[in-house]
Amino acid sequence: LEAVAQLGSGATAKDIAAQTGIAPATAYRLLNLL
């Protein structure tokens, strides 16, 4: 959530995962839950 706020609207899953250091597969699963 913090990464999306920092990156701004339109941030991609790849950008968000890179910003947080979270594995892409885990990030994508949690993004869908959010």
Full PDB file with SEQRES, HELIX, SHEET, SSBOND, CRYST1, ORIGX, SCALE, CONECT and MASTER records, all heavy atoms in Angstrom:
SEQRES   1 A   34  LEU GLU ALA VAL ALA GLN LEU GLY SER GLY ALA THR ALA          
SEQRES   2 A   34  LYS ASP ILE ALA ALA GLN THR GLY ILE ALA PRO ALA THR          
SEQRES   3 A   34  ALA TYR ARG LEU LEU ASN LEU LEU                              
HELIX    1 AA1 GLU A    2  LEU A    7  1                                   6    
HELIX    2 AA2 ALA A   13  THR A   20  1                                   8    
HELIX    3 AA3 PRO A   24  LEU A   33  1                                  10    
CRYST1    1.000    1.000    1.000  90.00  90.00  90.00 P 1           1          
ORIGX1      1.000000  0.000000  0.000000        0.00000                         
ORIGX2      0.000000  1.000000  0.000000        0.00000                         
ORIGX3      0.000000  0.000000  1.000000        0.00000                         
SCALE1      1.000000  0.000000  0.000000        0.00000                         
SCALE2      0.000000  1.000000  0.000000        0.00000                         
SCALE3      0.000000  0.000000  1.000000        0.00000                         
ATOM      1  N   LEU A   1       0.831  -1.205   0.000  1.00  0.00           N  
ATOM      2  CA  LEU A   1       0.000   0.000   0.000  1.00  0.00           C  
ATOM      3  C   LEU A   1       0.866   1.256   0.000  1.00  0.00           C  
ATOM      4  O   LEU A   1       0.597   2.223  -0.724  1.00  0.00           O  
ATOM      5  CB  LEU A   1      -0.927   0.002   1.222  1.00  0.00           C  
ATOM      6  CG  LEU A   1      -2.083  -0.991   1.212  1.00  0.00           C  
ATOM      7  CD1 LEU A   1      -2.811  -0.969   2.554  1.00  0.00           C  
ATOM      8  CD2 LEU A   1      -3.057  -0.671   0.081  1.00  0.00           C  
ATOM      9  N   GLU A   2       1.918   1.232   0.828  1.00  0.00           N  
ATOM     10  CA  GLU A   2       2.812   2.383   0.900  1.00  0.00           C  
ATOM     11  C   GLU A   2       3.511   2.603  -0.444  1.00  0.00           C  
ATOM     12  O   GLU A   2       3.674   3.748  -0.891  1.00  0.00           O  
ATOM     13  CB  GLU A   2       3.852   2.165   1.998  1.00  0.00           C  
ATOM     14  CG  GLU A   2       4.769   3.367   2.212  1.00  0.00           C  
ATOM     15  CD  GLU A   2       5.740   3.157   3.359  1.00  0.00           C  
ATOM     16  OE1 GLU A   2       5.732   2.060   3.955  1.00  0.00           O  
ATOM     17  OE2 GLU A   2       6.494   4.091   3.661  1.00  0.00           O  
ATOM     18  N   ALA A   3       3.890   1.513  -1.108  1.00  0.00           N  
ATOM     19  CA  ALA A   3       4.562   1.630  -2.406  1.00  0.00           C  
ATOM     20  C   ALA A   3       3.632   2.239  -3.453  1.00  0.00           C  
ATOM     21  O   ALA A   3       4.052   3.084  -4.248  1.00  0.00           O  
ATOM     22  CB  ALA A   3       5.054   0.262  -2.861  1.00  0.00           C  
ATOM     23  N   VAL A   4       2.370   1.830  -3.464  1.00  0.00           N  
ATOM     24  CA  VAL A   4       1.411   2.388  -4.424  1.00  0.00           C  
ATOM     25  C   VAL A   4       1.232   3.885  -4.167  1.00  0.00           C  
ATOM     26  O   VAL A   4       1.166   4.687  -5.099  1.00  0.00           O  
ATOM     27  CB  VAL A   4       0.062   1.654  -4.347  1.00  0.00           C  
ATOM     28  CG1 VAL A   4      -0.976   2.339  -5.234  1.00  0.00           C  
ATOM     29  CG2 VAL A   4       0.220   0.199  -4.762  1.00  0.00           C  
ATOM     30  N   ALA A   5       1.180   4.266  -2.886  1.00  0.00           N  
ATOM     31  CA  ALA A   5       1.040   5.683  -2.547  1.00  0.00           C  
ATOM     32  C   ALA A   5       2.251   6.478  -3.029  1.00  0.00           C  
ATOM     33  O   ALA A   5       2.116   7.607  -3.518  1.00  0.00           O  
ATOM     34  CB  ALA A   5       0.861   5.840  -1.045  1.00  0.00           C  
ATOM     35  N   GLN A   6       3.440   5.900  -2.912  1.00  0.00           N  
ATOM     36  CA  GLN A   6       4.663   6.596  -3.315  1.00  0.00           C  
ATOM     37  C   GLN A   6       4.825   6.638  -4.832  1.00  0.00           C  
ATOM     38  O   GLN A   6       5.231   7.665  -5.398  1.00  0.00           O  
ATOM     39  CB  GLN A   6       5.881   5.915  -2.678  1.00  0.00           C  
ATOM     40  CG  GLN A   6       5.959   6.074  -1.166  1.00  0.00           C  
ATOM     41  CD  GLN A   6       7.073   5.244  -0.547  1.00  0.00           C  
ATOM     42  OE1 GLN A   6       7.651   4.373  -1.197  1.00  0.00           O  
ATOM     43  NE2 GLN A   6       7.389   5.512   0.705  1.00  0.00           N  
ATOM     44  N   LEU A   7       4.509   5.528  -5.504  1.00  0.00           N  
ATOM     45  CA  LEU A   7       4.690   5.449  -6.948  1.00  0.00           C  
ATOM     46  C   LEU A   7       3.606   6.196  -7.705  1.00  0.00           C  
ATOM     47  O   LEU A   7       3.816   6.658  -8.822  1.00  0.00           O  
ATOM     48  CB  LEU A   7       4.716   3.984  -7.400  1.00  0.00           C  
ATOM     49  CG  LEU A   7       5.935   3.170  -6.942  1.00  0.00           C  
ATOM     50  CD1 LEU A   7       5.708   1.692  -7.231  1.00  0.00           C  
ATOM     51  CD2 LEU A   7       7.199   3.663  -7.632  1.00  0.00           C  
ATOM     52  N   GLY A   8       2.437   6.314  -7.090  1.00  0.00           N  
ATOM     53  CA  GLY A   8       1.334   7.013  -7.731  1.00  0.00           C  
ATOM     54  C   GLY A   8       0.427   6.074  -8.498  1.00  0.00           C  
ATOM     55  O   GLY A   8       0.760   4.920  -8.773  1.00  0.00           O  
ATOM     56  N   SER A   9      -0.739   6.614  -8.856  1.00  0.00           N  
ATOM     57  CA  SER A   9      -1.732   5.832  -9.577  1.00  0.00           C  
ATOM     58  C   SER A   9      -1.157   5.286 -10.879  1.00  0.00           C  
ATOM     59  O   SER A   9      -0.468   5.986 -11.615  1.00  0.00           O  
ATOM     60  CB  SER A   9      -2.947   6.715  -9.870  1.00  0.00           C  
ATOM     61  OG  SER A   9      -3.923   6.003 -10.572  1.00  0.00           O  
ATOM     62  N   GLY A  10      -1.443   4.012 -11.153  1.00  0.00           N  
ATOM     63  CA  GLY A  10      -0.951   3.376 -12.365  1.00  0.00           C  
ATOM     64  C   GLY A  10       0.293   2.541 -12.161  1.00  0.00           C  
ATOM     65  O   GLY A  10       0.816   1.962 -13.116  1.00  0.00           O  
ATOM     66  N   ALA A  11       0.783   2.479 -10.914  1.00  0.00           N  
ATOM     67  CA  ALA A  11       1.961   1.668 -10.627  1.00  0.00           C  
ATOM     68  C   ALA A  11       1.688   0.211 -11.002  1.00  0.00           C  
ATOM     69  O   ALA A  11       0.641  -0.337 -10.673  1.00  0.00           O  
ATOM     70  CB  ALA A  11       2.317   1.767  -9.148  1.00  0.00           C  
ATOM     71  N   THR A  12       2.640  -0.412 -11.683  1.00  0.00           N  
ATOM     72  CA  THR A  12       2.457  -1.799 -12.102  1.00  0.00           C  
ATOM     73  C   THR A  12       2.881  -2.746 -10.988  1.00  0.00           C  
ATOM     74  O   THR A  12       3.620  -2.369 -10.073  1.00  0.00           O  
ATOM     75  CB  THR A  12       3.284  -2.110 -13.353  1.00  0.00           C  
ATOM     76  OG1 THR A  12       4.684  -2.011 -13.016  1.00  0.00           O  
ATOM     77  CG2 THR A  12       2.970  -1.130 -14.477  1.00  0.00           C  
ATOM     78  N   ALA A  13       2.438  -3.999 -11.089  1.00  0.00           N  
ATOM     79  CA  ALA A  13       2.816  -5.003 -10.100  1.00  0.00           C  
ATOM     80  C   ALA A  13       4.335  -5.177 -10.065  1.00  0.00           C  
ATOM     81  O   ALA A  13       4.923  -5.342  -8.996  1.00  0.00           O  
ATOM     82  CB  ALA A  13       2.128  -6.332 -10.419  1.00  0.00           C  
ATOM     83  N   LYS A  14       4.961  -5.111 -11.230  1.00  0.00           N  
ATOM     84  CA  LYS A  14       6.415  -5.244 -11.301  1.00  0.00           C  
ATOM     85  C   LYS A  14       7.103  -4.102 -10.567  1.00  0.00           C  
ATOM     86  O   LYS A  14       8.054  -4.313  -9.802  1.00  0.00           O  
ATOM     87  CB  LYS A  14       6.851  -5.283 -12.765  1.00  0.00           C  
ATOM     88  CG  LYS A  14       8.357  -5.444 -12.964  1.00  0.00           C  
ATOM     89  CD  LYS A  14       8.704  -5.491 -14.449  1.00  0.00           C  
ATOM     90  CE  LYS A  14      10.208  -5.628 -14.652  1.00  0.00           C  
ATOM     91  NZ  LYS A  14      10.545  -5.657 -16.107  1.00  0.00           N  
ATOM     92  N   ASP A  15       6.625  -2.858 -10.782  1.00  0.00           N  
ATOM     93  CA  ASP A  15       7.202  -1.695 -10.101  1.00  0.00           C  
ATOM     94  C   ASP A  15       7.012  -1.789  -8.591  1.00  0.00           C  
ATOM     95  O   ASP A  15       7.911  -1.470  -7.810  1.00  0.00           O  
ATOM     96  CB  ASP A  15       6.561  -0.408 -10.610  1.00  0.00           C  
ATOM     97  CG  ASP A  15       6.960  -0.081 -12.043  1.00  0.00           C  
ATOM     98  OD1 ASP A  15       8.009  -0.593 -12.485  1.00  0.00           O  
ATOM     99  OD2 ASP A  15       6.222   0.660 -12.710  1.00  0.00           O  
ATOM    100  N   ILE A  16       5.823  -2.219  -8.194  1.00  0.00           N  
ATOM    101  CA  ILE A  16       5.503  -2.296  -6.760  1.00  0.00           C  
ATOM    102  C   ILE A  16       6.368  -3.357  -6.084  1.00  0.00           C  
ATOM    103  O   ILE A  16       6.893  -3.151  -4.990  1.00  0.00           O  
ATOM    104  CB  ILE A  16       4.004  -2.605  -6.563  1.00  0.00           C  
ATOM    105  CG1 ILE A  16       3.154  -1.456  -7.131  1.00  0.00           C  
ATOM    106  CG2 ILE A  16       3.688  -2.816  -5.089  1.00  0.00           C  
ATOM    107  CD1 ILE A  16       1.693  -1.807  -7.289  1.00  0.00           C  
ATOM    108  N   ALA A  17       6.532  -4.512  -6.748  1.00  0.00           N  
ATOM    109  CA  ALA A  17       7.364  -5.575  -6.185  1.00  0.00           C  
ATOM    110  C   ALA A  17       8.807  -5.105  -6.058  1.00  0.00           C  
ATOM    111  O   ALA A  17       9.473  -5.362  -5.040  1.00  0.00           O  
ATOM    112  CB  ALA A  17       7.283  -6.820  -7.071  1.00  0.00           C  
ATOM    113  N   ALA A  18       9.293  -4.399  -7.072  1.00  0.00           N  
ATOM    114  CA  ALA A  18      10.670  -3.899  -7.027  1.00  0.00           C  
ATOM    115  C   ALA A  18      10.845  -2.861  -5.925  1.00  0.00           C  
ATOM    116  O   ALA A  18      11.870  -2.842  -5.238  1.00  0.00           O  
ATOM    117  CB  ALA A  18      11.042  -3.295  -8.384  1.00  0.00           C  
ATOM    118  N   GLN A  19       9.839  -2.012  -5.748  1.00  0.00           N  
ATOM    119  CA  GLN A  19       9.916  -0.965  -4.728  1.00  0.00           C  
ATOM    120  C   GLN A  19       9.977  -1.556  -3.322  1.00  0.00           C  
ATOM    121  O   GLN A  19      10.666  -1.036  -2.446  1.00  0.00           O  
ATOM    122  CB  GLN A  19       8.683  -0.058  -4.851  1.00  0.00           C  
ATOM    123  CG  GLN A  19       8.566   1.039  -3.794  1.00  0.00           C  
ATOM    124  CD  GLN A  19       9.277   2.310  -4.201  1.00  0.00           C  
ATOM    125  OE1 GLN A  19       9.994   2.325  -5.191  1.00  0.00           O  
ATOM    126  NE2 GLN A  19       9.088   3.365  -3.439  1.00  0.00           N  
ATOM    127  N   THR A  20       9.257  -2.646  -3.107  1.00  0.00           N  
ATOM    128  CA  THR A  20       9.155  -3.232  -1.773  1.00  0.00           C  
ATOM    129  C   THR A  20      10.152  -4.353  -1.521  1.00  0.00           C  
ATOM    130  O   THR A  20      10.371  -4.739  -0.368  1.00  0.00           O  
ATOM    131  CB  THR A  20       7.741  -3.800  -1.546  1.00  0.00           C  
ATOM    132  OG1 THR A  20       7.460  -4.766  -2.572  1.00  0.00           O  
ATOM    133  CG2 THR A  20       6.699  -2.686  -1.603  1.00  0.00           C  
ATOM    134  N   GLY A  21      10.721  -4.913  -2.579  1.00  0.00           N  
ATOM    135  CA  GLY A  21      11.609  -6.056  -2.415  1.00  0.00           C  
ATOM    136  C   GLY A  21      10.866  -7.354  -2.154  1.00  0.00           C  
ATOM    137  O   GLY A  21      11.465  -8.350  -1.734  1.00  0.00           O  
ATOM    138  N   ILE A  22       9.570  -7.363  -2.419  1.00  0.00           N  
ATOM    139  CA  ILE A  22       8.754  -8.563  -2.227  1.00  0.00           C  
ATOM    140  C   ILE A  22       8.770  -9.377  -3.520  1.00  0.00           C  
ATOM    141  O   ILE A  22       8.720  -8.819  -4.619  1.00  0.00           O  
ATOM    142  CB  ILE A  22       7.311  -8.180  -1.842  1.00  0.00           C  
ATOM    143  CG1 ILE A  22       7.302  -7.433  -0.496  1.00  0.00           C  
ATOM    144  CG2 ILE A  22       6.408  -9.405  -1.772  1.00  0.00           C  
ATOM    145  CD1 ILE A  22       5.946  -6.854  -0.127  1.00  0.00           C  
ATOM    146  N   ALA A  23       8.857 -10.679  -3.390  1.00  0.00           N  
ATOM    147  CA  ALA A  23       8.871 -11.547  -4.567  1.00  0.00           C  
ATOM    148  C   ALA A  23       7.648 -11.261  -5.432  1.00  0.00           C  
ATOM    149  O   ALA A  23       6.535 -11.106  -4.909  1.00  0.00           O  
ATOM    150  CB  ALA A  23       8.864 -13.009  -4.137  1.00  0.00           C  
ATOM    151  N   PRO A  24       7.818 -11.165  -6.762  1.00  0.00           N  
ATOM    152  CA  PRO A  24       6.705 -10.806  -7.648  1.00  0.00           C  
ATOM    153  C   PRO A  24       5.460 -11.664  -7.469  1.00  0.00           C  
ATOM    154  O   PRO A  24       4.340 -11.137  -7.457  1.00  0.00           O  
ATOM    155  CB  PRO A  24       7.316 -10.987  -9.046  1.00  0.00           C  
ATOM    156  CG  PRO A  24       8.768 -10.707  -8.842  1.00  0.00           C  
ATOM    157  CD  PRO A  24       9.092 -11.282  -7.491  1.00  0.00           C  
ATOM    158  N   ALA A  25       5.635 -12.980  -7.325  1.00  0.00           N  
ATOM    159  CA  ALA A  25       4.471 -13.854  -7.175  1.00  0.00           C  
ATOM    160  C   ALA A  25       3.708 -13.537  -5.895  1.00  0.00           C  
ATOM    161  O   ALA A  25       2.468 -13.478  -5.876  1.00  0.00           O  
ATOM    162  CB  ALA A  25       4.908 -15.320  -7.181  1.00  0.00           C  
ATOM    163  N   THR A  26       4.453 -13.300  -4.796  1.00  0.00           N  
ATOM    164  CA  THR A  26       3.821 -12.950  -3.523  1.00  0.00           C  
ATOM    165  C   THR A  26       3.150 -11.589  -3.617  1.00  0.00           C  
ATOM    166  O   THR A  26       2.025 -11.390  -3.141  1.00  0.00           O  
ATOM    167  CB  THR A  26       4.864 -12.938  -2.394  1.00  0.00           C  
ATOM    168  OG1 THR A  26       5.468 -14.220  -2.299  1.00  0.00           O  
ATOM    169  CG2 THR A  26       4.227 -12.574  -1.061  1.00  0.00           C  
ATOM    170  N   ALA A  27       3.845 -10.633  -4.239  1.00  0.00           N  
ATOM    171  CA  ALA A  27       3.294  -9.283  -4.384  1.00  0.00           C  
ATOM    172  C   ALA A  27       1.993  -9.323  -5.174  1.00  0.00           C  
ATOM    173  O   ALA A  27       1.003  -8.689  -4.792  1.00  0.00           O  
ATOM    174  CB  ALA A  27       4.311  -8.374  -5.062  1.00  0.00           C  
ATOM    175  N   TYR A  28       1.984 -10.071  -6.274  1.00  0.00           N  
ATOM    176  CA  TYR A  28       0.791 -10.124  -7.117  1.00  0.00           C  
ATOM    177  C   TYR A  28      -0.385 -10.738  -6.363  1.00  0.00           C  
ATOM    178  O   TYR A  28      -1.520 -10.265  -6.459  1.00  0.00           O  
ATOM    179  CB  TYR A  28       1.078 -10.913  -8.388  1.00  0.00           C  
ATOM    180  CG  TYR A  28       0.027 -10.723  -9.449  1.00  0.00           C  
ATOM    181  CD1 TYR A  28      -0.043  -9.538 -10.182  1.00  0.00           C  
ATOM    182  CD2 TYR A  28      -0.897 -11.722  -9.725  1.00  0.00           C  
ATOM    183  CE1 TYR A  28      -1.013  -9.346 -11.153  1.00  0.00           C  
ATOM    184  CE2 TYR A  28      -1.875 -11.536 -10.695  1.00  0.00           C  
ATOM    185  CZ  TYR A  28      -1.933 -10.351 -11.407  1.00  0.00           C  
ATOM    186  OH  TYR A  28      -2.902 -10.161 -12.356  1.00  0.00           O  
ATOM    187  N   ARG A  29      -0.098 -11.792  -5.586  1.00  0.00           N  
ATOM    188  CA  ARG A  29      -1.179 -12.436  -4.808  1.00  0.00           C  
ATOM    189  C   ARG A  29      -1.752 -11.466  -3.781  1.00  0.00           C  
ATOM    190  O   ARG A  29      -2.971 -11.333  -3.641  1.00  0.00           O  
ATOM    191  CB  ARG A  29      -0.641 -13.691  -4.110  1.00  0.00           C  
ATOM    192  CG  ARG A  29      -1.664 -14.397  -3.222  1.00  0.00           C  
ATOM    193  CD  ARG A  29      -1.095 -15.680  -2.666  1.00  0.00           C  
ATOM    194  NE  ARG A  29       0.109 -15.445  -1.886  1.00  0.00           N  
ATOM    195  CZ  ARG A  29       0.087 -15.048  -0.601  1.00  0.00           C  
ATOM    196  NH1 ARG A  29      -1.058 -14.839   0.016  1.00  0.00           N  
ATOM    197  NH2 ARG A  29       1.225 -14.873   0.049  1.00  0.00           N  
ATOM    198  N   LEU A  30      -0.871 -10.751  -3.071  1.00  0.00           N  
ATOM    199  CA  LEU A  30      -1.351  -9.808  -2.058  1.00  0.00           C  
ATOM    200  C   LEU A  30      -2.052  -8.609  -2.696  1.00  0.00           C  
ATOM    201  O   LEU A  30      -3.033  -8.090  -2.152  1.00  0.00           O  
ATOM    202  CB  LEU A  30      -0.177  -9.342  -1.195  1.00  0.00           C  
ATOM    203  CG  LEU A  30       0.420 -10.392  -0.257  1.00  0.00           C  
ATOM    204  CD1 LEU A  30       1.675  -9.857   0.432  1.00  0.00           C  
ATOM    205  CD2 LEU A  30      -0.608 -10.817   0.797  1.00  0.00           C  
ATOM    206  N   LEU A  31      -1.564  -8.168  -3.848  1.00  0.00           N  
ATOM    207  CA  LEU A  31      -2.224  -7.052  -4.544  1.00  0.00           C  
ATOM    208  C   LEU A  31      -3.653  -7.419  -4.916  1.00  0.00           C  
ATOM    209  O   LEU A  31      -4.578  -6.610  -4.764  1.00  0.00           O  
ATOM    210  CB  LEU A  31      -1.430  -6.681  -5.797  1.00  0.00           C  
ATOM    211  CG  LEU A  31      -0.104  -5.948  -5.571  1.00  0.00           C  
ATOM    212  CD1 LEU A  31       0.702  -5.899  -6.857  1.00  0.00           C  
ATOM    213  CD2 LEU A  31      -0.340  -4.538  -5.037  1.00  0.00           C  
ATOM    214  N   ASN A  32      -3.844  -8.636  -5.384  1.00  0.00           N  
ATOM    215  CA  ASN A  32      -5.197  -9.079  -5.734  1.00  0.00           C  
ATOM    216  C   ASN A  32      -6.100  -9.144  -4.507  1.00  0.00           C  
ATOM    217  O   ASN A  32      -7.295  -8.817  -4.581  1.00  0.00           O  
ATOM    218  CB  ASN A  32      -5.145 -10.443  -6.423  1.00  0.00           C  
ATOM    219  CG  ASN A  32      -4.681 -10.333  -7.864  1.00  0.00           C  
ATOM    220  OD1 ASN A  32      -4.882  -9.313  -8.509  1.00  0.00           O  
ATOM    221  ND2 ASN A  32      -4.061 -11.384  -8.373  1.00  0.00           N  
ATOM    222  N   LEU A  33      -5.546  -9.563  -3.373  1.00  0.00           N  
ATOM    223  CA  LEU A  33      -6.325  -9.585  -2.137  1.00  0.00           C  
ATOM    224  C   LEU A  33      -6.700  -8.168  -1.716  1.00  0.00           C  
ATOM    225  O   LEU A  33      -7.832  -7.919  -1.268  1.00  0.00           O  
ATOM    226  CB  LEU A  33      -5.529 -10.271  -1.019  1.00  0.00           C  
ATOM    227  CG  LEU A  33      -5.347 -11.792  -1.139  1.00  0.00           C  
ATOM    228  CD1 LEU A  33      -4.397 -12.300  -0.062  1.00  0.00           C  
ATOM    229  CD2 LEU A  33      -6.698 -12.501  -1.040  1.00  0.00           C  
ATOM    230  N   LEU A  34      -5.770  -7.237  -1.844  1.00  0.00           N  
ATOM    231  CA  LEU A  34      -6.045  -5.844  -1.485  1.00  0.00           C  
ATOM    232  C   LEU A  34      -7.089  -5.234  -2.414  1.00  0.00           C  
ATOM    233  O   LEU A  34      -7.910  -4.411  -1.981  1.00  0.00           O  
ATOM    234  CB  LEU A  34      -4.744  -5.029  -1.521  1.00  0.00           C  
ATOM    235  CG  LEU A  34      -3.742  -5.352  -0.414  1.00  0.00           C  
ATOM    236  CD1 LEU A  34      -2.383  -4.710  -0.709  1.00  0.00           C  
ATOM    237  CD2 LEU A  34      -4.256  -4.868   0.953  1.00  0.00           C  
TER     238      LEU A  34                                                      
MASTER        0    0    0    3    0    0    0    6  237    1    0    3          
END                                                                             
